[in-house]
């Protein structure tokens, strides 16, 4: 079973997205902040990471810098998730090493499609 790390500080978002992903056949590992995301990634070696950009303790940009510096995660698909979709944000995220970018509120069909696309590309 493919493992997905879902890192988001909003419990309701984790619950919704986690349920959708679990019902799609994935094992979902949750993290509520950036530090926890790094810990869970190291413990579980997920096949894909969904990473909120605005989290306490360490934001998504700090998390991706740490993950990409670790050889285990250099090729792991990492999707930026954000509610603040300002002009240039997508380009900034992609330049930092994200594989993909989704804006909140996330459209569930788009999430399912993007997750399947990224996991099938591995």
N, C-alpha and C. Protein backbone atom coordinates (compact mmCIF):
# COMPACT_ATOMS: atom_id res chain seq x y z
N UNK A 1 0.84 -1.19 0.00
CA UNK A 1 0.00 0.00 0.00
C UNK A 1 0.89 1.25 0.00
N UNK A 2 0.54 2.20 -0.83
CA UNK A 2 1.31 3.45 -0.93
C UNK A 2 1.02 4.34 0.27
N UNK A 3 2.10 4.92 0.83
CA UNK A 3 1.98 5.77 2.01
C UNK A 3 2.04 7.24 1.61
N UNK A 4 1.13 8.01 2.19
CA UNK A 4 1.10 9.45 1.96
C UNK A 4 1.20 10.16 3.30
N UNK A 5 2.14 11.08 3.41
CA UNK A 5 2.25 11.94 4.58
C UNK A 5 1.42 13.19 4.31
N UNK A 6 0.48 13.47 5.19
CA UNK A 6 -0.38 14.64 5.08
C UNK A 6 -0.05 15.57 6.23
N UNK A 7 0.59 16.70 5.94
CA UNK A 7 1.00 17.65 6.96
C UNK A 7 0.20 18.94 6.82
N UNK A 8 -0.64 19.20 7.81
CA UNK A 8 -1.49 20.39 7.81
C UNK A 8 -1.85 20.70 9.26
N UNK A 9 -1.76 21.96 9.65
CA UNK A 9 -2.06 22.31 11.03
C UNK A 9 -3.56 22.39 11.33
N UNK A 10 -4.38 22.35 10.29
CA UNK A 10 -5.83 22.40 10.48
C UNK A 10 -6.38 20.98 10.58
N UNK A 11 -6.89 20.64 11.76
CA UNK A 11 -7.40 19.28 12.00
C UNK A 11 -8.51 18.91 11.02
N UNK A 12 -9.38 19.85 10.70
CA UNK A 12 -10.50 19.57 9.78
C UNK A 12 -9.97 19.23 8.39
N UNK A 13 -8.95 19.91 7.95
CA UNK A 13 -8.35 19.61 6.64
C UNK A 13 -7.71 18.24 6.65
N UNK A 14 -6.98 17.92 7.73
CA UNK A 14 -6.37 16.59 7.82
C UNK A 14 -7.43 15.50 7.80
N UNK A 15 -8.52 15.73 8.53
CA UNK A 15 -9.57 14.72 8.60
C UNK A 15 -10.22 14.50 7.23
N UNK A 16 -10.57 15.58 6.55
CA UNK A 16 -11.22 15.47 5.24
C UNK A 16 -10.29 14.83 4.21
N UNK A 17 -9.10 15.39 4.06
CA UNK A 17 -8.18 14.88 3.05
C UNK A 17 -7.72 13.46 3.40
N UNK A 18 -7.49 13.22 4.68
CA UNK A 18 -7.07 11.89 5.12
C UNK A 18 -8.12 10.84 4.81
N UNK A 19 -9.38 11.17 5.05
CA UNK A 19 -10.48 10.24 4.76
C UNK A 19 -10.57 9.97 3.27
N UNK A 20 -10.49 11.01 2.46
CA UNK A 20 -10.56 10.84 1.00
C UNK A 20 -9.42 9.96 0.51
N UNK A 21 -8.22 10.20 1.00
CA UNK A 21 -7.07 9.42 0.56
C UNK A 21 -7.14 7.97 1.05
N UNK A 22 -7.56 7.78 2.31
CA UNK A 22 -7.70 6.42 2.84
C UNK A 22 -8.76 5.65 2.06
N UNK A 23 -9.86 6.31 1.72
CA UNK A 23 -10.92 5.66 0.94
C UNK A 23 -10.48 5.38 -0.50
N UNK A 24 -9.41 6.04 -0.93
CA UNK A 24 -8.85 5.79 -2.26
C UNK A 24 -7.79 4.69 -2.22
N UNK A 25 -7.56 4.12 -1.04
CA UNK A 25 -6.66 2.99 -0.93
C UNK A 25 -5.25 3.29 -0.47
N UNK A 26 -5.01 4.49 0.05
CA UNK A 26 -3.68 4.86 0.51
C UNK A 26 -3.59 4.78 2.03
N UNK A 27 -2.39 4.51 2.52
CA UNK A 27 -2.12 4.61 3.95
C UNK A 27 -1.76 6.06 4.23
N UNK A 28 -2.46 6.70 5.15
CA UNK A 28 -2.25 8.12 5.43
C UNK A 28 -1.58 8.29 6.79
N UNK A 29 -0.48 9.03 6.79
CA UNK A 29 0.23 9.39 8.00
C UNK A 29 0.04 10.88 8.18
N UNK A 30 -0.38 11.32 9.35
CA UNK A 30 -0.68 12.73 9.57
C UNK A 30 0.36 13.42 10.43
N UNK A 31 0.52 14.72 10.17
CA UNK A 31 1.38 15.58 10.98
C UNK A 31 0.68 16.93 11.12
N UNK A 32 0.78 17.53 12.31
CA UNK A 32 0.08 18.78 12.59
C UNK A 32 0.97 20.02 12.51
N UNK A 33 2.27 19.84 12.33
CA UNK A 33 3.17 20.99 12.18
C UNK A 33 4.41 20.54 11.42
N UNK A 34 5.28 21.49 11.12
CA UNK A 34 6.45 21.19 10.31
C UNK A 34 7.45 20.26 10.96
N UNK A 35 7.67 20.40 12.25
CA UNK A 35 8.61 19.53 12.95
C UNK A 35 8.09 18.09 12.95
N UNK A 36 6.79 17.95 13.25
CA UNK A 36 6.17 16.62 13.23
C UNK A 36 6.22 16.02 11.82
N UNK A 37 6.07 16.86 10.80
CA UNK A 37 6.15 16.37 9.41
C UNK A 37 7.52 15.77 9.13
N UNK A 38 8.57 16.43 9.57
CA UNK A 38 9.92 15.89 9.35
C UNK A 38 10.11 14.59 10.11
N UNK A 39 9.61 14.52 11.34
CA UNK A 39 9.74 13.30 12.14
C UNK A 39 9.00 12.15 11.48
N UNK A 40 7.75 12.40 11.06
CA UNK A 40 6.94 11.35 10.45
C UNK A 40 7.52 10.90 9.11
N UNK A 41 8.06 11.84 8.35
CA UNK A 41 8.68 11.47 7.07
C UNK A 41 9.86 10.54 7.32
N UNK A 42 10.70 10.89 8.28
CA UNK A 42 11.87 10.07 8.59
C UNK A 42 11.50 8.68 9.10
N UNK A 43 10.42 8.59 9.85
CA UNK A 43 9.98 7.31 10.42
C UNK A 43 9.28 6.41 9.41
N UNK A 44 8.59 7.01 8.44
CA UNK A 44 7.69 6.24 7.58
C UNK A 44 8.07 6.16 6.11
N UNK A 45 9.03 6.96 5.66
CA UNK A 45 9.42 6.97 4.25
C UNK A 45 8.22 6.96 3.30
N UNK A 46 7.40 8.00 3.34
CA UNK A 46 6.20 8.04 2.49
C UNK A 46 6.55 8.09 1.01
N UNK A 47 5.60 7.61 0.20
CA UNK A 47 5.77 7.64 -1.25
C UNK A 47 5.43 9.02 -1.82
N UNK A 48 4.65 9.79 -1.07
CA UNK A 48 4.22 11.12 -1.49
C UNK A 48 3.94 11.94 -0.24
N UNK A 49 4.20 13.25 -0.32
CA UNK A 49 3.97 14.14 0.82
C UNK A 49 3.09 15.30 0.37
N UNK A 50 2.01 15.54 1.13
CA UNK A 50 1.15 16.71 0.95
C UNK A 50 1.49 17.65 2.09
N UNK A 51 1.96 18.85 1.76
CA UNK A 51 2.55 19.74 2.74
C UNK A 51 1.93 21.13 2.71
N UNK A 52 1.24 21.47 3.79
CA UNK A 52 0.70 22.82 3.94
C UNK A 52 1.86 23.80 4.06
N UNK A 53 1.76 24.93 3.42
CA UNK A 53 2.85 25.91 3.48
C UNK A 53 2.84 26.71 4.78
N UNK A 54 1.67 26.94 5.35
CA UNK A 54 1.56 27.76 6.57
C UNK A 54 1.29 26.86 7.77
N UNK A 55 2.36 26.46 8.47
CA UNK A 55 2.23 25.61 9.65
C UNK A 55 3.08 26.18 10.77
N UNK A 56 2.70 25.87 12.01
CA UNK A 56 3.50 26.33 13.15
C UNK A 56 4.80 25.52 13.27
N UNK A 57 5.71 26.06 14.05
CA UNK A 57 7.02 25.48 14.38
C UNK A 57 7.99 25.51 13.22
N UNK A 58 7.55 25.08 12.04
CA UNK A 58 8.38 25.13 10.83
C UNK A 58 7.42 25.14 9.64
N UNK A 59 7.52 26.17 8.80
CA UNK A 59 6.57 26.25 7.68
C UNK A 59 6.96 25.27 6.57
N UNK A 60 6.09 25.18 5.57
CA UNK A 60 6.31 24.24 4.49
C UNK A 60 7.60 24.46 3.73
N UNK A 61 8.05 25.70 3.62
CA UNK A 61 9.30 25.98 2.92
C UNK A 61 10.50 25.45 3.72
N UNK A 62 10.44 25.58 5.04
CA UNK A 62 11.49 25.02 5.88
C UNK A 62 11.51 23.50 5.82
N UNK A 63 10.32 22.91 5.79
CA UNK A 63 10.21 21.45 5.72
C UNK A 63 10.78 20.94 4.40
N UNK A 64 10.42 21.59 3.30
CA UNK A 64 10.91 21.06 2.01
C UNK A 64 12.42 21.23 1.88
N UNK A 65 12.97 22.30 2.43
CA UNK A 65 14.43 22.45 2.38
C UNK A 65 15.10 21.29 3.12
N UNK A 66 14.57 20.94 4.28
CA UNK A 66 15.14 19.83 5.06
C UNK A 66 14.94 18.50 4.34
N UNK A 67 13.76 18.29 3.77
CA UNK A 67 13.50 17.04 3.07
C UNK A 67 14.38 16.88 1.84
N UNK A 68 14.50 17.92 1.05
CA UNK A 68 15.29 17.83 -0.19
C UNK A 68 16.78 17.68 0.11
N UNK A 69 17.22 18.09 1.30
CA UNK A 69 18.62 17.92 1.68
C UNK A 69 18.92 16.49 2.11
N UNK A 70 17.88 15.70 2.34
CA UNK A 70 17.99 14.31 2.76
C UNK A 70 17.88 13.43 1.51
N UNK A 71 18.88 12.61 1.24
CA UNK A 71 18.91 11.80 0.03
C UNK A 71 17.66 10.92 -0.12
N UNK A 72 17.06 10.51 1.00
CA UNK A 72 15.87 9.66 0.92
C UNK A 72 14.68 10.35 0.27
N UNK A 73 14.66 11.69 0.31
CA UNK A 73 13.48 12.42 -0.16
C UNK A 73 13.76 13.30 -1.38
N UNK A 74 14.90 13.16 -1.99
CA UNK A 74 15.22 14.00 -3.14
C UNK A 74 14.31 13.75 -4.32
N UNK A 75 13.81 12.52 -4.47
CA UNK A 75 12.93 12.20 -5.61
C UNK A 75 11.47 12.01 -5.19
N UNK A 76 11.17 12.17 -3.91
CA UNK A 76 9.80 11.99 -3.42
C UNK A 76 8.92 13.12 -3.92
N UNK A 77 7.77 12.82 -4.52
CA UNK A 77 6.86 13.89 -4.90
C UNK A 77 6.33 14.61 -3.65
N UNK A 78 6.46 15.93 -3.64
CA UNK A 78 5.99 16.74 -2.52
C UNK A 78 5.08 17.83 -3.09
N UNK A 79 3.84 17.84 -2.60
CA UNK A 79 2.82 18.76 -3.10
C UNK A 79 2.61 19.88 -2.08
N UNK A 80 2.75 21.12 -2.54
CA UNK A 80 2.46 22.28 -1.71
C UNK A 80 0.96 22.48 -1.65
N UNK A 81 0.45 22.72 -0.45
CA UNK A 81 -0.97 23.02 -0.26
C UNK A 81 -1.05 24.36 0.44
N UNK A 82 -1.84 25.28 -0.11
CA UNK A 82 -1.91 26.60 0.50
C UNK A 82 -3.26 27.26 0.27
N UNK A 83 -3.65 28.07 1.25
CA UNK A 83 -4.87 28.86 1.13
C UNK A 83 -4.55 30.25 0.58
N UNK A 84 -3.30 30.64 0.62
CA UNK A 84 -2.92 31.99 0.16
C UNK A 84 -2.28 31.91 -1.21
N UNK A 85 -3.13 31.86 -2.21
CA UNK A 85 -2.66 31.74 -3.59
C UNK A 85 -2.51 33.12 -4.23
N UNK A 86 -1.42 33.76 -3.92
CA UNK A 86 -1.14 35.07 -4.48
C UNK A 86 -0.33 34.89 -5.77
N UNK A 87 -0.31 35.95 -6.58
CA UNK A 87 0.45 35.90 -7.82
C UNK A 87 1.92 35.60 -7.51
N UNK A 88 2.47 34.61 -8.16
CA UNK A 88 3.87 34.25 -7.98
C UNK A 88 4.10 33.17 -6.92
N UNK A 89 3.10 32.84 -6.12
CA UNK A 89 3.28 31.84 -5.06
C UNK A 89 3.59 30.46 -5.64
N UNK A 90 2.88 30.09 -6.70
CA UNK A 90 3.12 28.78 -7.31
C UNK A 90 4.55 28.68 -7.81
N UNK A 91 5.01 29.69 -8.49
CA UNK A 91 6.37 29.70 -9.03
C UNK A 91 7.41 29.64 -7.92
N UNK A 92 7.15 30.37 -6.83
CA UNK A 92 8.07 30.35 -5.68
C UNK A 92 8.14 28.95 -5.08
N UNK A 93 6.98 28.31 -4.92
CA UNK A 93 6.94 26.96 -4.35
C UNK A 93 7.68 25.97 -5.24
N UNK A 94 7.44 26.04 -6.53
CA UNK A 94 8.08 25.11 -7.46
C UNK A 94 9.60 25.33 -7.47
N UNK A 95 10.02 26.58 -7.36
CA UNK A 95 11.45 26.89 -7.33
C UNK A 95 12.11 26.36 -6.06
N UNK A 96 11.35 26.20 -4.98
CA UNK A 96 11.89 25.69 -3.72
C UNK A 96 12.00 24.17 -3.71
N UNK A 97 11.44 23.50 -4.74
CA UNK A 97 11.57 22.06 -4.82
C UNK A 97 10.29 21.27 -4.74
N UNK A 98 9.14 21.96 -4.67
CA UNK A 98 7.88 21.24 -4.67
C UNK A 98 7.65 20.64 -6.05
N UNK A 99 6.97 19.50 -6.08
CA UNK A 99 6.67 18.81 -7.33
C UNK A 99 5.38 19.33 -7.95
N UNK A 100 4.45 19.75 -7.08
CA UNK A 100 3.14 20.19 -7.52
C UNK A 100 2.60 21.20 -6.51
N UNK A 101 1.46 21.80 -6.85
CA UNK A 101 0.91 22.90 -6.05
C UNK A 101 -0.61 22.86 -6.13
N UNK A 102 -1.27 22.78 -4.98
CA UNK A 102 -2.73 22.79 -4.92
C UNK A 102 -3.19 23.91 -3.99
N UNK A 103 -4.26 24.59 -4.37
CA UNK A 103 -4.78 25.66 -3.53
C UNK A 103 -6.02 25.21 -2.77
N UNK A 104 -6.16 25.77 -1.56
CA UNK A 104 -7.34 25.51 -0.74
C UNK A 104 -8.42 26.51 -1.11
N UNK A 105 -9.68 26.16 -1.06
CA UNK A 105 -10.15 24.83 -0.73
C UNK A 105 -9.82 23.85 -1.86
N UNK A 106 -9.33 22.70 -1.47
CA UNK A 106 -8.91 21.69 -2.44
C UNK A 106 -10.14 21.01 -3.03
N UNK A 107 -10.16 20.95 -4.34
CA UNK A 107 -11.22 20.19 -5.02
C UNK A 107 -10.83 18.72 -4.97
N UNK A 108 -11.67 17.91 -4.38
CA UNK A 108 -11.33 16.51 -4.14
C UNK A 108 -11.03 15.72 -5.41
N UNK A 109 -11.79 15.91 -6.50
CA UNK A 109 -11.41 15.19 -7.74
C UNK A 109 -10.01 15.57 -8.22
N UNK A 110 -9.66 16.84 -8.07
CA UNK A 110 -8.32 17.30 -8.46
C UNK A 110 -7.25 16.66 -7.58
N UNK A 111 -7.52 16.57 -6.28
CA UNK A 111 -6.58 15.93 -5.35
C UNK A 111 -6.35 14.48 -5.75
N UNK A 112 -7.44 13.73 -5.94
CA UNK A 112 -7.32 12.31 -6.31
C UNK A 112 -6.51 12.14 -7.60
N UNK A 113 -6.82 12.97 -8.58
CA UNK A 113 -6.15 12.90 -9.88
C UNK A 113 -4.66 13.21 -9.76
N UNK A 114 -4.32 14.25 -9.00
CA UNK A 114 -2.92 14.66 -8.86
C UNK A 114 -2.13 13.63 -8.07
N UNK A 115 -2.70 13.09 -7.01
CA UNK A 115 -2.03 12.05 -6.22
C UNK A 115 -1.77 10.82 -7.09
N UNK A 116 -2.76 10.38 -7.82
CA UNK A 116 -2.60 9.21 -8.69
C UNK A 116 -1.54 9.48 -9.76
N UNK A 117 -1.56 10.66 -10.35
CA UNK A 117 -0.58 11.01 -11.38
C UNK A 117 0.84 10.96 -10.83
N UNK A 118 1.04 11.56 -9.66
CA UNK A 118 2.39 11.60 -9.09
C UNK A 118 2.87 10.22 -8.65
N UNK A 119 1.98 9.43 -8.09
CA UNK A 119 2.41 8.10 -7.63
C UNK A 119 2.64 7.16 -8.81
N UNK A 120 1.89 7.32 -9.87
CA UNK A 120 2.07 6.48 -11.06
C UNK A 120 3.34 6.86 -11.83
N UNK A 121 3.83 8.06 -11.62
CA UNK A 121 5.03 8.53 -12.31
C UNK A 121 6.31 7.97 -11.67
N UNK A 122 6.18 7.39 -10.49
CA UNK A 122 7.36 6.88 -9.79
C UNK A 122 7.82 5.57 -10.36
